[in-house]
């Protein structure tokens, strides 16, 4: 039977699979830079060292300390989706633990991002499933309070819409608007090439000082015309 409650949306326009695959080749930092140094989730860090994720956002809003809607989202999400949970920044109890994380992995989800806490960190690291959260707390949640699925949410100080591109690695999580994601990929490719050349210049001692430094110092009024460090 079709779901009729307006609080749960199942028709999501996701970022294209080819964009997800291309974005997965790039570090979160590169995508954040070419997105205008924006789109990163403040205070939310990798709980699985070395894990990487790239996928469309499957957004979940819960009441602080309650994970009912995360269970519902797991029943609805498709393989590759990244659950992005607006947990209100509450860290007084964990919203997911080992059982749910194993379930997410078996469902072939792309990862989980929670603006809140998790638990069972040892099992998570052994599992290797990409999870990003604000904190760890052994206290468990309630499963009683309604919320919303696939509505725009706020997490880590950022507005996130269903279907947006979500990329995460050890540096953190960056979210790019679905409509904008494809246009950033050529810029990311270019920046990777530029940084590779810059790194080669540094290692070979050809150019230890950035080429832009003197001009920026002049623009800031710290060097006069013709002066150089």
C-alpha atoms as a PDB file:
ATOM      1  CA  UNK A   1       0.000   0.000   0.000  1.00  0.00           C
ATOM      2  CA  UNK A   2       1.291   3.481  -0.865  1.00  0.00           C
ATOM      3  CA  UNK A   3       2.353   5.770   1.965  1.00  0.00           C
ATOM      4  CA  UNK A   4      -0.056   8.699   2.241  1.00  0.00           C
ATOM      5  CA  UNK A   5       1.293  10.667   5.206  1.00  0.00           C
ATOM      6  CA  UNK A   6       2.884  13.916   4.008  1.00  0.00           C
ATOM      7  CA  UNK A   7       5.623  13.547   6.612  1.00  0.00           C
ATOM      8  CA  UNK A   8       7.208  10.675   4.655  1.00  0.00           C
ATOM      9  CA  UNK A   9       8.199  11.348   1.066  1.00  0.00           C
ATOM     10  CA  UNK A  10       9.327   8.460  -1.116  1.00  0.00           C
ATOM     11  CA  UNK A  11       9.622  10.211  -4.484  1.00  0.00           C
ATOM     12  CA  UNK A  12      13.157  11.640  -4.392  1.00  0.00           C
ATOM     13  CA  UNK A  13      15.020  13.172  -7.328  1.00  0.00           C
ATOM     14  CA  UNK A  14      18.569  12.000  -6.655  1.00  0.00           C
ATOM     15  CA  UNK A  15      21.854  13.354  -7.954  1.00  0.00           C
ATOM     16  CA  UNK A  16      22.800  11.347 -11.057  1.00  0.00           C
ATOM     17  CA  UNK A  17      24.730   8.079 -10.479  1.00  0.00           C
ATOM     18  CA  UNK A  18      27.514   9.156 -12.845  1.00  0.00           C
ATOM     19  CA  UNK A  19      27.990  12.338 -10.815  1.00  0.00           C
ATOM     20  CA  UNK A  20      28.148  10.308  -7.614  1.00  0.00           C
ATOM     21  CA  UNK A  21      30.782   8.015  -9.133  1.00  0.00           C
ATOM     22  CA  UNK A  22      32.886  10.907 -10.429  1.00  0.00           C
ATOM     23  CA  UNK A  23      32.671  12.787  -7.123  1.00  0.00           C
ATOM     24  CA  UNK A  24      33.841   9.680  -5.275  1.00  0.00           C
ATOM     25  CA  UNK A  25      37.262  10.111  -6.889  1.00  0.00           C
ATOM     26  CA  UNK A  26      37.796  13.448  -5.161  1.00  0.00           C
ATOM     27  CA  UNK A  27      38.563  14.288  -1.515  1.00  0.00           C
ATOM     28  CA  UNK A  28      35.878  16.176   0.371  1.00  0.00           C
ATOM     29  CA  UNK A  29      38.313  19.077   0.731  1.00  0.00           C
ATOM     30  CA  UNK A  30      38.657  19.476  -3.042  1.00  0.00           C
ATOM     31  CA  UNK A  31      34.897  19.571  -3.535  1.00  0.00           C
ATOM     32  CA  UNK A  32      34.487  22.064  -0.691  1.00  0.00           C
ATOM     33  CA  UNK A  33      37.110  24.328  -2.245  1.00  0.00           C
ATOM     34  CA  UNK A  34      35.563  24.365  -5.721  1.00  0.00           C
ATOM     35  CA  UNK A  35      32.113  24.854  -4.157  1.00  0.00           C
ATOM     36  CA  UNK A  36      33.326  28.201  -2.841  1.00  0.00           C
ATOM     37  CA  UNK A  37      34.681  26.907   0.464  1.00  0.00           C
ATOM     38  CA  UNK A  38      31.204  26.084   1.633  1.00  0.00           C
ATOM     39  CA  UNK A  39      29.033  23.021   2.110  1.00  0.00           C
ATOM     40  CA  UNK A  40      30.936  21.323   4.930  1.00  0.00           C
ATOM     41  CA  UNK A  41      29.167  20.056   8.036  1.00  0.00           C
ATOM     42  CA  UNK A  42      30.509  21.776  11.124  1.00  0.00           C
ATOM     43  CA  UNK A  43      31.420  19.550  14.070  1.00  0.00           C
ATOM     44  CA  UNK A  44      30.578  16.264  12.346  1.00  0.00           C
ATOM     45  CA  UNK A  45      33.560  13.949  11.990  1.00  0.00           C
ATOM     46  CA  UNK A  46      34.449  10.520  10.621  1.00  0.00           C
ATOM     47  CA  UNK A  47      33.790   7.710  13.062  1.00  0.00           C
ATOM     48  CA  UNK A  48      35.276   5.102  10.713  1.00  0.00           C
ATOM     49  CA  UNK A  49      38.913   5.952   9.936  1.00  0.00           C
ATOM     50  CA  UNK A  50      39.728   5.552   6.260  1.00  0.00           C
ATOM     51  CA  UNK A  51      36.123   5.094   5.151  1.00  0.00           C
ATOM     52  CA  UNK A  52      34.884   7.104   2.177  1.00  0.00           C
ATOM     53  CA  UNK A  53      31.387   7.717   0.903  1.00  0.00           C
ATOM     54  CA  UNK A  54      29.654   9.402  -2.002  1.00  0.00           C
ATOM     55  CA  UNK A  55      25.933   9.281  -2.630  1.00  0.00           C
ATOM     56  CA  UNK A  56      22.590  11.076  -2.715  1.00  0.00           C
ATOM     57  CA  UNK A  57      21.185  12.441   0.541  1.00  0.00           C
ATOM     58  CA  UNK A  58      18.230  10.567   2.032  1.00  0.00           C
ATOM     59  CA  UNK A  59      17.216  13.104   4.654  1.00  0.00           C
ATOM     60  CA  UNK A  60      15.736  12.278   8.051  1.00  0.00           C
ATOM     61  CA  UNK A  61      14.474  14.624  10.756  1.00  0.00           C
ATOM     62  CA  UNK A  62      14.136  13.198  14.253  1.00  0.00           C
ATOM     63  CA  UNK A  63      13.295  14.660  17.633  1.00  0.00           C
ATOM     64  CA  UNK A  64      16.318  14.904  19.902  1.00  0.00           C
ATOM     65  CA  UNK A  65      17.124  11.515  21.415  1.00  0.00           C
ATOM     66  CA  UNK A  66      14.637   9.497  19.335  1.00  0.00           C
ATOM     67  CA  UNK A  67      15.522   7.274  16.364  1.00  0.00           C
ATOM     68  CA  UNK A  68      12.102   6.038  15.209  1.00  0.00           C
ATOM     69  CA  UNK A  69      12.394   7.800  11.865  1.00  0.00           C
ATOM     70  CA  UNK A  70      15.876   6.425  11.185  1.00  0.00           C
ATOM     71  CA  UNK A  71      14.442   2.913  11.336  1.00  0.00           C
ATOM     72  CA  UNK A  72      11.687   4.017   8.932  1.00  0.00           C
ATOM     73  CA  UNK A  73      14.249   5.598   6.593  1.00  0.00           C
ATOM     74  CA  UNK A  74      16.280   2.380   6.502  1.00  0.00           C
ATOM     75  CA  UNK A  75      13.155   0.554   5.331  1.00  0.00           C
ATOM     76  CA  UNK A  76      12.717   3.037   2.472  1.00  0.00           C
ATOM     77  CA  UNK A  77      16.228   3.999   1.339  1.00  0.00           C
ATOM     78  CA  UNK A  78      17.774   2.543  -1.803  1.00  0.00           C
ATOM     79  CA  UNK A  79      21.282   1.076  -2.205  1.00  0.00           C
ATOM     80  CA  UNK A  80      23.822   3.860  -2.423  1.00  0.00           C
ATOM     81  CA  UNK A  81      21.719   6.382  -0.506  1.00  0.00           C
ATOM     82  CA  UNK A  82      23.394   8.261   2.352  1.00  0.00           C
ATOM     83  CA  UNK A  83      21.177   8.707   5.398  1.00  0.00           C
ATOM     84  CA  UNK A  84      21.596  12.297   6.586  1.00  0.00           C
ATOM     85  CA  UNK A  85      19.962  12.744   9.981  1.00  0.00           C
ATOM     86  CA  UNK A  86      18.999  16.022  11.593  1.00  0.00           C
ATOM     87  CA  UNK A  87      19.419  14.948  15.206  1.00  0.00           C
ATOM     88  CA  UNK A  88      19.242  18.551  16.457  1.00  0.00           C
ATOM     89  CA  UNK A  89      22.887  18.367  17.496  1.00  0.00           C
ATOM     90  CA  UNK A  90      21.859  16.476  20.624  1.00  0.00           C
ATOM     91  CA  UNK A  91      24.584  14.226  22.055  1.00  0.00           C
ATOM     92  CA  UNK A  92      22.829  13.064  25.223  1.00  0.00           C
ATOM     93  CA  UNK A  93      22.210   9.633  23.689  1.00  0.00           C
ATOM     94  CA  UNK A  94      23.197   7.642  20.610  1.00  0.00           C
ATOM     95  CA  UNK A  95      20.832   7.515  17.667  1.00  0.00           C
ATOM     96  CA  UNK A  96      22.384   4.426  16.068  1.00  0.00           C
ATOM     97  CA  UNK A  97      24.526   1.523  17.230  1.00  0.00           C
ATOM     98  CA  UNK A  98      25.965  -1.740  15.977  1.00  0.00           C
ATOM     99  CA  UNK A  99      22.662  -3.383  15.041  1.00  0.00           C
ATOM    100  CA  UNK A 100      21.505  -0.517  12.861  1.00  0.00           C
ATOM    101  CA  UNK A 101      24.938   0.003  11.322  1.00  0.00           C
ATOM    102  CA  UNK A 102      25.111  -3.655  10.332  1.00  0.00           C
ATOM    103  CA  UNK A 103      21.643  -3.261   8.848  1.00  0.00           C
ATOM    104  CA  UNK A 104      22.722  -0.236   6.823  1.00  0.00           C
ATOM    105  CA  UNK A 105      25.701  -2.133   5.455  1.00  0.00           C
ATOM    106  CA  UNK A 106      23.555  -5.125   4.484  1.00  0.00           C
ATOM    107  CA  UNK A 107      21.145  -2.724   2.761  1.00  0.00           C
ATOM    108  CA  UNK A 108      24.140  -1.442   0.769  1.00  0.00           C
ATOM    109  CA  UNK A 109      23.575   2.141   1.819  1.00  0.00           C
ATOM    110  CA  UNK A 110      26.317   4.601   0.960  1.00  0.00           C
ATOM    111  CA  UNK A 111      26.831   5.773   4.531  1.00  0.00           C
ATOM    112  CA  UNK A 112      25.260   7.562   7.483  1.00  0.00           C
ATOM    113  CA  UNK A 113      25.653  11.159   8.635  1.00  0.00           C
ATOM    114  CA  UNK A 114      24.164  12.124  11.998  1.00  0.00           C
ATOM    115  CA  UNK A 115      24.051  15.534  13.615  1.00  0.00           C
ATOM    116  CA  UNK A 116      24.049  13.780  16.965  1.00  0.00           C
ATOM    117  CA  UNK A 117      25.750  10.858  18.686  1.00  0.00           C
ATOM    118  CA  UNK A 118      26.344   7.176  17.950  1.00  0.00           C
ATOM    119  CA  UNK A 119      27.561   4.245  20.021  1.00  0.00           C
ATOM    120  CA  UNK A 120      29.290   0.854  19.632  1.00  0.00           C
ATOM    121  CA  UNK A 121      32.308   2.570  18.113  1.00  0.00           C
ATOM    122  CA  UNK A 122      34.547  -0.527  18.321  1.00  0.00           C
ATOM    123  CA  UNK A 123      32.073  -2.620  16.337  1.00  0.00           C
ATOM    124  CA  UNK A 124      31.678   0.206  13.851  1.00  0.00           C
ATOM    125  CA  UNK A 125      35.405   0.394  13.190  1.00  0.00           C
ATOM    126  CA  UNK A 126      35.537  -3.354  12.697  1.00  0.00           C
ATOM    127  CA  UNK A 127      32.570  -3.130  10.315  1.00  0.00           C
ATOM    128  CA  UNK A 128      34.228  -0.430   8.218  1.00  0.00           C
ATOM    129  CA  UNK A 129      30.913   1.168   7.251  1.00  0.00           C
ATOM    130  CA  UNK A 130      31.100   4.949   6.665  1.00  0.00           C
ATOM    131  CA  UNK A 131      29.514   6.777   9.585  1.00  0.00           C
ATOM    132  CA  UNK A 132      29.943  10.440  10.462  1.00  0.00           C
ATOM    133  CA  UNK A 133      28.607  11.943  13.676  1.00  0.00           C
ATOM    134  CA  UNK A 134      29.090  14.643  16.287  1.00  0.00           C
ATOM    135  CA  UNK A 135      29.928  12.455  19.286  1.00  0.00           C
ATOM    136  CA  UNK A 136      29.886   9.013  20.914  1.00  0.00           C
ATOM    137  CA  UNK A 137      27.579   8.212  23.842  1.00  0.00           C
ATOM    138  CA  UNK A 138      26.693   4.763  25.256  1.00  0.00           C
ATOM    139  CA  UNK A 139      23.180   5.856  26.218  1.00  0.00           C
ATOM    140  CA  UNK A 140      20.463   4.553  23.913  1.00  0.00           C
ATOM    141  CA  UNK A 141      17.538   6.440  22.296  1.00  0.00           C
ATOM    142  CA  UNK A 142      13.783   6.200  22.494  1.00  0.00           C
ATOM    143  CA  UNK A 143      11.728   5.006  19.490  1.00  0.00           C
ATOM    144  CA  UNK A 144       8.486   6.878  20.006  1.00  0.00           C
ATOM    145  CA  UNK A 145       8.389  10.306  18.418  1.00  0.00           C
ATOM    146  CA  UNK A 146       7.348  11.047  14.820  1.00  0.00           C
ATOM    147  CA  UNK A 147       9.557  13.024  12.482  1.00  0.00           C
ATOM    148  CA  UNK A 148       9.968  13.525   8.747  1.00  0.00           C
ATOM    149  CA  UNK A 149      11.689  11.747   5.856  1.00  0.00           C
ATOM    150  CA  UNK A 150      12.955  13.395   2.664  1.00  0.00           C
ATOM    151  CA  UNK A 151      12.156  16.946   3.649  1.00  0.00           C
ATOM    152  CA  UNK A 152      14.823  19.678   3.679  1.00  0.00           C
ATOM    153  CA  UNK A 153      16.775  19.476   6.938  1.00  0.00           C
ATOM    154  CA  UNK A 154      19.501  21.288   8.828  1.00  0.00           C
ATOM    155  CA  UNK A 155      22.616  19.380   9.895  1.00  0.00           C
ATOM    156  CA  UNK A 156      26.030  20.651  10.888  1.00  0.00           C
ATOM    157  CA  UNK A 157      24.912  24.218  10.255  1.00  0.00           C
ATOM    158  CA  UNK A 158      23.937  23.490   6.650  1.00  0.00           C
ATOM    159  CA  UNK A 159      20.634  23.261   4.807  1.00  0.00           C
ATOM    160  CA  UNK A 160      20.387  19.896   3.004  1.00  0.00           C
ATOM    161  CA  UNK A 161      17.742  18.764   0.543  1.00  0.00           C
ATOM    162  CA  UNK A 162      16.849  15.207  -0.447  1.00  0.00           C
ATOM    163  CA  UNK A 163      18.950  14.034  -3.381  1.00  0.00           C
ATOM    164  CA  UNK A 164      21.867  16.414  -2.777  1.00  0.00           C
ATOM    165  CA  UNK A 165      25.375  15.043  -3.288  1.00  0.00           C
ATOM    166  CA  UNK A 166      27.064  13.928  -0.048  1.00  0.00           C
ATOM    167  CA  UNK A 167      30.784  13.117   0.033  1.00  0.00           C
ATOM    168  CA  UNK A 168      32.718  12.152   3.155  1.00  0.00           C
ATOM    169  CA  UNK A 169      36.205  11.066   4.146  1.00  0.00           C
ATOM    170  CA  UNK A 170      38.589  11.483   7.080  1.00  0.00           C
ATOM    171  CA  UNK A 171      38.422  15.282   6.694  1.00  0.00           C
ATOM    172  CA  UNK A 172      34.653  15.354   7.190  1.00  0.00           C
ATOM    173  CA  UNK A 173      31.529  15.729   5.092  1.00  0.00           C
ATOM    174  CA  UNK A 174      30.685  18.115   2.253  1.00  0.00           C
ATOM    175  CA  UNK A 175      27.234  18.479   0.710  1.00  0.00           C
ATOM    176  CA  UNK A 176      26.663  19.963  -2.752  1.00  0.00           C
ATOM    177  CA  UNK A 177      23.252  20.917  -4.109  1.00  0.00           C
ATOM    178  CA  UNK A 178      21.963  18.311  -6.560  1.00  0.00           C
ATOM    179  CA  UNK A 179      21.463  20.873  -9.316  1.00  0.00           C
ATOM    180  CA  UNK A 180      25.021  22.174  -8.937  1.00  0.00           C
ATOM    181  CA  UNK A 181      26.994  18.985  -8.400  1.00  0.00           C
ATOM    182  CA  UNK A 182      27.767  18.085 -12.026  1.00  0.00           C
ATOM    183  CA  UNK A 183      29.119  21.566 -12.795  1.00  0.00           C
ATOM    184  CA  UNK A 184      31.725  21.265 -10.038  1.00  0.00           C
ATOM    185  CA  UNK A 185      33.366  18.105 -11.374  1.00  0.00           C
ATOM    186  CA  UNK A 186      35.495  19.777 -14.085  1.00  0.00           C
ATOM    187  CA  UNK A 187      36.597  22.355 -11.503  1.00  0.00           C
ATOM    188  CA  UNK A 188      37.550  19.547  -9.122  1.00  0.00           C
ATOM    189  CA  UNK A 189      39.567  17.783 -11.838  1.00  0.00           C
ATOM    190  CA  UNK A 190      41.387  21.039 -12.582  1.00  0.00           C
ATOM    191  CA  UNK A 191      42.148  21.723  -8.921  1.00  0.00           C
ATOM    192  CA  UNK A 192      43.519  18.214  -8.405  1.00  0.00           C
ATOM    193  CA  UNK A 193      45.876  18.715 -11.353  1.00  0.00           C
ATOM    194  CA  UNK A 194      46.964  22.131 -10.074  1.00  0.00           C
ATOM    195  CA  UNK A 195      47.645  20.811  -6.587  1.00  0.00           C
ATOM    196  CA  UNK A 196      49.617  17.882  -7.973  1.00  0.00           C
ATOM    197  CA  UNK A 197      51.829  20.316  -9.888  1.00  0.00           C
ATOM    198  CA  UNK A 198      52.205  22.550  -6.833  1.00  0.00           C
ATOM    199  CA  UNK A 199      53.189  19.566  -4.684  1.00  0.00           C
ATOM    200  CA  UNK A 200      55.754  18.518  -7.279  1.00  0.00           C
ATOM    201  CA  UNK A 201      57.184  22.060  -7.283  1.00  0.00           C
ATOM    202  CA  UNK A 202      57.462  21.994  -3.485  1.00  0.00           C
ATOM    203  CA  UNK A 203      59.132  18.597  -3.342  1.00  0.00           C
ATOM    204  CA  UNK A 204      61.588  19.542  -6.062  1.00  0.00           C
ATOM    205  CA  UNK A 205      62.214  22.952  -4.383  1.00  0.00           C
ATOM    206  CA  UNK A 206      61.393  24.741  -7.639  1.00  0.00           C
ATOM    207  CA  UNK A 207      58.803  26.949  -5.971  1.00  0.00           C
ATOM    208  CA  UNK A 208      58.507  26.806  -2.205  1.00  0.00           C
ATOM    209  CA  UNK A 209      56.640  30.142  -2.078  1.00  0.00           C
ATOM    210  CA  UNK A 210      53.114  30.241  -3.560  1.00  0.00           C
ATOM    211  CA  UNK A 211      52.983  32.286  -6.745  1.00  0.00           C
ATOM    212  CA  UNK A 212      49.951  34.250  -5.509  1.00  0.00           C
ATOM    213  CA  UNK A 213      51.451  35.305  -2.152  1.00  0.00           C
ATOM    214  CA  UNK A 214      53.066  38.650  -3.073  1.00  0.00           C
ATOM    215  CA  UNK A 215      49.970  39.874  -4.928  1.00  0.00           C
ATOM    216  CA  UNK A 216      47.724  38.973  -2.011  1.00  0.00           C
ATOM    217  CA  UNK A 217      50.027  40.752   0.435  1.00  0.00           C
ATOM    218  CA  UNK A 218      49.933  43.847  -1.784  1.00  0.00           C
ATOM    219  CA  UNK A 219      46.137  43.681  -1.945  1.00  0.00           C
ATOM    220  CA  UNK A 220      46.080  43.490   1.853  1.00  0.00           C
ATOM    221  CA  UNK A 221      48.311  46.568   2.096  1.00  0.00           C
ATOM    222  CA  UNK A 222      51.246  44.668   3.575  1.00  0.00           C
ATOM    223  CA  UNK A 223      53.564  45.121   0.568  1.00  0.00           C
ATOM    224  CA  UNK A 224      54.018  48.159  -1.640  1.00  0.00           C
ATOM    225  CA  UNK A 225      54.085  47.992  -5.430  1.00  0.00           C
ATOM    226  CA  UNK A 226      57.333  46.438  -6.565  1.00  0.00           C
ATOM    227  CA  UNK A 227      58.068  44.843  -3.180  1.00  0.00           C
ATOM    228  CA  UNK A 228      58.360  41.100  -2.810  1.00  0.00           C
ATOM    229  CA  UNK A 229      59.081  38.635  -0.033  1.00  0.00           C
END
